[in-house]
N, C-alpha and C. Protein backbone atom coordinates (compact mmCIF):
# COMPACT_ATOMS: atom_id res chain seq x y z
N UNK A 1 -156.75 -109.76 -38.47
CA UNK A 1 -157.00 -108.81 -37.43
C UNK A 1 -156.95 -109.54 -36.09
N UNK A 2 -156.18 -109.09 -35.15
CA UNK A 2 -156.11 -109.68 -33.82
C UNK A 2 -156.85 -108.78 -32.85
N UNK A 3 -157.61 -109.38 -31.96
CA UNK A 3 -158.39 -108.62 -31.00
C UNK A 3 -157.97 -108.98 -29.60
N UNK A 4 -157.98 -108.00 -28.70
CA UNK A 4 -157.69 -108.22 -27.29
C UNK A 4 -158.89 -107.84 -26.46
N UNK A 5 -159.03 -108.43 -25.31
CA UNK A 5 -160.15 -108.14 -24.43
C UNK A 5 -160.01 -106.74 -23.88
N UNK A 6 -161.02 -105.90 -24.06
CA UNK A 6 -160.98 -104.51 -23.60
C UNK A 6 -161.63 -104.37 -22.24
N UNK A 7 -162.87 -104.78 -22.15
CA UNK A 7 -163.59 -104.68 -20.88
C UNK A 7 -164.78 -105.61 -20.95
N UNK A 8 -165.35 -105.88 -19.79
CA UNK A 8 -166.55 -106.70 -19.77
C UNK A 8 -167.46 -106.21 -18.66
N UNK A 9 -168.72 -106.51 -18.81
CA UNK A 9 -169.68 -106.23 -17.76
C UNK A 9 -170.59 -107.43 -17.66
N UNK A 10 -171.17 -107.62 -16.50
CA UNK A 10 -172.03 -108.78 -16.33
C UNK A 10 -173.12 -108.46 -15.32
N UNK A 11 -174.16 -109.25 -15.37
CA UNK A 11 -175.28 -109.04 -14.46
C UNK A 11 -174.87 -109.46 -13.05
N UNK A 12 -175.62 -109.02 -12.10
CA UNK A 12 -175.37 -109.39 -10.70
C UNK A 12 -175.69 -110.84 -10.43
N UNK A 13 -176.22 -111.56 -11.41
CA UNK A 13 -176.63 -112.95 -11.22
C UNK A 13 -175.45 -113.91 -11.18
N UNK A 14 -174.29 -113.48 -11.64
CA UNK A 14 -173.14 -114.36 -11.72
C UNK A 14 -172.85 -114.99 -10.37
N UNK A 15 -172.91 -116.32 -10.32
CA UNK A 15 -172.61 -117.03 -9.08
C UNK A 15 -173.84 -117.31 -8.24
N UNK A 16 -174.98 -116.71 -8.55
CA UNK A 16 -176.21 -117.00 -7.82
C UNK A 16 -176.90 -118.19 -8.48
N UNK A 17 -178.01 -118.61 -7.93
CA UNK A 17 -178.71 -119.77 -8.46
C UNK A 17 -179.77 -119.40 -9.49
N UNK A 18 -179.53 -118.39 -10.31
CA UNK A 18 -180.44 -118.02 -11.37
C UNK A 18 -180.18 -118.87 -12.60
N UNK A 19 -181.18 -119.03 -13.44
CA UNK A 19 -181.09 -119.92 -14.60
C UNK A 19 -180.14 -119.40 -15.68
N UNK A 20 -180.09 -118.06 -15.88
CA UNK A 20 -179.26 -117.49 -16.94
C UNK A 20 -178.42 -116.33 -16.43
N UNK A 21 -177.23 -116.16 -17.01
CA UNK A 21 -176.34 -115.03 -16.75
C UNK A 21 -175.98 -114.43 -18.10
N UNK A 22 -176.06 -113.11 -18.20
CA UNK A 22 -175.73 -112.42 -19.45
C UNK A 22 -174.48 -111.58 -19.22
N UNK A 23 -173.50 -111.71 -20.09
CA UNK A 23 -172.26 -110.94 -20.00
C UNK A 23 -172.03 -110.24 -21.33
N UNK A 24 -171.43 -109.07 -21.26
CA UNK A 24 -171.09 -108.34 -22.46
C UNK A 24 -169.58 -108.07 -22.43
N UNK A 25 -168.91 -108.44 -23.52
CA UNK A 25 -167.46 -108.32 -23.62
C UNK A 25 -167.13 -107.50 -24.86
N UNK A 26 -166.22 -106.54 -24.72
CA UNK A 26 -165.77 -105.75 -25.87
C UNK A 26 -164.37 -106.18 -26.25
N UNK A 27 -164.22 -106.64 -27.48
CA UNK A 27 -162.92 -107.02 -28.01
C UNK A 27 -162.43 -105.89 -28.89
N UNK A 28 -161.14 -105.54 -28.77
CA UNK A 28 -160.60 -104.48 -29.62
C UNK A 28 -159.40 -104.99 -30.39
N UNK A 29 -159.20 -104.41 -31.57
CA UNK A 29 -158.06 -104.77 -32.40
C UNK A 29 -156.77 -104.35 -31.71
N UNK A 30 -155.78 -105.24 -31.73
CA UNK A 30 -154.49 -104.91 -31.15
C UNK A 30 -153.76 -103.92 -32.06
N UNK A 31 -153.07 -102.96 -31.45
CA UNK A 31 -152.35 -101.95 -32.23
C UNK A 31 -151.14 -102.55 -32.92
N UNK A 32 -150.39 -103.42 -32.22
CA UNK A 32 -149.20 -104.06 -32.79
C UNK A 32 -149.37 -105.57 -32.75
N UNK A 33 -148.86 -106.22 -33.79
CA UNK A 33 -148.75 -107.67 -33.80
C UNK A 33 -150.06 -108.38 -34.03
N UNK A 34 -149.93 -109.69 -34.06
CA UNK A 34 -151.08 -110.56 -34.21
C UNK A 34 -150.99 -111.62 -33.15
N UNK A 35 -151.95 -112.50 -33.12
CA UNK A 35 -151.93 -113.58 -32.15
C UNK A 35 -153.32 -113.84 -31.62
N UNK A 36 -153.41 -114.78 -30.72
CA UNK A 36 -154.70 -115.18 -30.20
C UNK A 36 -154.81 -114.88 -28.72
N UNK A 37 -154.18 -113.84 -28.24
CA UNK A 37 -154.28 -113.47 -26.83
C UNK A 37 -155.71 -113.26 -26.39
N UNK A 38 -156.53 -112.72 -27.27
CA UNK A 38 -157.92 -112.50 -26.92
C UNK A 38 -158.66 -113.81 -26.70
N UNK A 39 -158.28 -114.86 -27.39
CA UNK A 39 -158.93 -116.15 -27.19
C UNK A 39 -158.67 -116.67 -25.79
N UNK A 40 -157.48 -116.48 -25.29
CA UNK A 40 -157.15 -116.91 -23.94
C UNK A 40 -157.99 -116.15 -22.92
N UNK A 41 -158.12 -114.84 -23.11
CA UNK A 41 -158.91 -114.04 -22.18
C UNK A 41 -160.39 -114.36 -22.28
N UNK A 42 -160.87 -114.60 -23.49
CA UNK A 42 -162.27 -114.99 -23.67
C UNK A 42 -162.53 -116.35 -23.03
N UNK A 43 -161.58 -117.26 -23.17
CA UNK A 43 -161.67 -118.57 -22.51
C UNK A 43 -161.78 -118.41 -21.00
N UNK A 44 -161.04 -117.46 -20.45
CA UNK A 44 -161.06 -117.21 -19.01
C UNK A 44 -162.47 -116.82 -18.55
N UNK A 45 -163.11 -115.94 -19.31
CA UNK A 45 -164.47 -115.50 -18.99
C UNK A 45 -165.42 -116.69 -19.04
N UNK A 46 -165.32 -117.50 -20.09
CA UNK A 46 -166.21 -118.65 -20.25
C UNK A 46 -165.95 -119.68 -19.17
N UNK A 47 -164.68 -119.98 -18.89
CA UNK A 47 -164.35 -120.97 -17.87
C UNK A 47 -164.74 -120.53 -16.47
N UNK A 48 -164.69 -119.21 -16.20
CA UNK A 48 -165.12 -118.71 -14.89
C UNK A 48 -166.59 -119.02 -14.67
N UNK A 49 -167.41 -118.85 -15.70
CA UNK A 49 -168.84 -119.16 -15.57
C UNK A 49 -169.06 -120.67 -15.51
N UNK A 50 -168.27 -121.44 -16.26
CA UNK A 50 -168.39 -122.90 -16.23
C UNK A 50 -168.10 -123.43 -14.83
N UNK A 51 -167.12 -122.82 -14.15
CA UNK A 51 -166.79 -123.27 -12.79
C UNK A 51 -167.91 -122.97 -11.80
N UNK A 52 -168.82 -122.07 -12.17
CA UNK A 52 -169.98 -121.75 -11.33
C UNK A 52 -171.21 -122.57 -11.72
N UNK A 53 -171.03 -123.49 -12.69
CA UNK A 53 -172.12 -124.36 -13.09
C UNK A 53 -172.94 -123.85 -14.25
N UNK A 54 -172.37 -122.96 -15.07
CA UNK A 54 -173.06 -122.44 -16.24
C UNK A 54 -172.36 -122.92 -17.50
N UNK A 55 -173.12 -123.03 -18.59
CA UNK A 55 -172.53 -123.33 -19.89
C UNK A 55 -172.93 -122.22 -20.86
N UNK A 56 -172.08 -121.99 -21.85
CA UNK A 56 -172.37 -120.97 -22.85
C UNK A 56 -173.55 -121.44 -23.69
N UNK A 57 -174.60 -120.65 -23.67
CA UNK A 57 -175.83 -120.99 -24.39
C UNK A 57 -175.86 -120.29 -25.74
N UNK A 58 -175.56 -118.97 -25.76
CA UNK A 58 -175.66 -118.17 -26.97
C UNK A 58 -174.57 -117.09 -26.96
N UNK A 59 -174.04 -116.79 -28.14
CA UNK A 59 -173.13 -115.66 -28.27
C UNK A 59 -173.53 -114.89 -29.53
N UNK A 60 -173.58 -113.58 -29.41
CA UNK A 60 -173.85 -112.74 -30.58
C UNK A 60 -172.84 -111.61 -30.58
N UNK A 61 -172.53 -111.09 -31.76
CA UNK A 61 -171.54 -110.02 -31.88
C UNK A 61 -172.08 -108.88 -32.73
N UNK A 62 -171.54 -107.70 -32.47
CA UNK A 62 -171.86 -106.51 -33.25
C UNK A 62 -170.58 -105.70 -33.39
N UNK A 63 -170.38 -105.08 -34.54
CA UNK A 63 -169.21 -104.24 -34.77
C UNK A 63 -169.42 -102.91 -34.08
N UNK A 64 -168.44 -102.49 -33.25
CA UNK A 64 -168.56 -101.25 -32.50
C UNK A 64 -167.80 -100.08 -33.08
N UNK A 65 -167.17 -100.23 -34.26
CA UNK A 65 -166.40 -99.13 -34.85
C UNK A 65 -165.06 -98.95 -34.18
N UNK A 66 -164.45 -97.77 -34.36
CA UNK A 66 -163.14 -97.51 -33.77
C UNK A 66 -163.23 -96.32 -32.84
N UNK A 67 -162.36 -96.35 -31.81
CA UNK A 67 -162.35 -95.29 -30.81
C UNK A 67 -160.92 -95.09 -30.31
N UNK A 68 -160.65 -93.93 -29.79
CA UNK A 68 -159.41 -93.69 -29.09
C UNK A 68 -158.18 -93.58 -29.96
N UNK A 69 -157.03 -93.42 -29.31
CA UNK A 69 -155.74 -93.29 -29.99
C UNK A 69 -155.44 -94.54 -30.79
N UNK A 70 -155.07 -94.37 -32.04
CA UNK A 70 -154.71 -95.49 -32.88
C UNK A 70 -155.90 -96.21 -33.48
N UNK A 71 -157.09 -95.80 -33.10
CA UNK A 71 -158.29 -96.41 -33.67
C UNK A 71 -158.38 -97.88 -33.34
N UNK A 72 -158.70 -98.67 -34.31
CA UNK A 72 -158.87 -100.10 -34.10
C UNK A 72 -160.34 -100.45 -33.98
N UNK A 73 -160.70 -101.56 -34.61
CA UNK A 73 -162.08 -102.00 -34.57
C UNK A 73 -162.44 -102.54 -33.20
N UNK A 74 -163.72 -102.45 -32.88
CA UNK A 74 -164.26 -103.01 -31.64
C UNK A 74 -165.36 -103.99 -32.01
N UNK A 75 -165.38 -105.10 -31.34
CA UNK A 75 -166.45 -106.07 -31.50
C UNK A 75 -167.11 -106.24 -30.14
N UNK A 76 -168.41 -106.02 -30.09
CA UNK A 76 -169.18 -106.17 -28.86
C UNK A 76 -169.79 -107.57 -28.87
N UNK A 77 -169.42 -108.39 -27.92
CA UNK A 77 -169.94 -109.76 -27.84
C UNK A 77 -170.86 -109.86 -26.63
N UNK A 78 -172.04 -110.41 -26.85
CA UNK A 78 -172.98 -110.67 -25.76
C UNK A 78 -173.05 -112.17 -25.59
N UNK A 79 -172.75 -112.64 -24.38
CA UNK A 79 -172.73 -114.06 -24.08
C UNK A 79 -173.86 -114.36 -23.10
N UNK A 80 -174.62 -115.41 -23.39
CA UNK A 80 -175.68 -115.87 -22.49
C UNK A 80 -175.26 -117.24 -21.98
N UNK A 81 -175.19 -117.37 -20.65
CA UNK A 81 -174.83 -118.62 -20.00
C UNK A 81 -176.07 -119.21 -19.34
N UNK A 82 -176.20 -120.53 -19.41
CA UNK A 82 -177.34 -121.23 -18.84
C UNK A 82 -176.87 -122.13 -17.71
N UNK A 83 -177.59 -122.14 -16.60
CA UNK A 83 -177.28 -123.01 -15.47
C UNK A 83 -177.47 -124.46 -15.88
N UNK A 84 -176.48 -125.31 -15.56
CA UNK A 84 -176.61 -126.75 -15.90
C UNK A 84 -176.75 -127.58 -14.65
């Protein structure tokens, strides 16, 4: 199963001098093909926080079911970044 980045949301703390930043990312199954495109996009999210002085502290996932045309599974990932 290949997943692509669907959407993300994050707290207003991103880029401020707070100790932790929490982000939520929804990955969805690609309708056609396979590949690791989602890994590149997930890397982008992680590297953006790393460039602000945060490191990935915790990640948890939950299955979000299927929605919309063509269905496809959704995985909800919650990422916690810690200021270093």
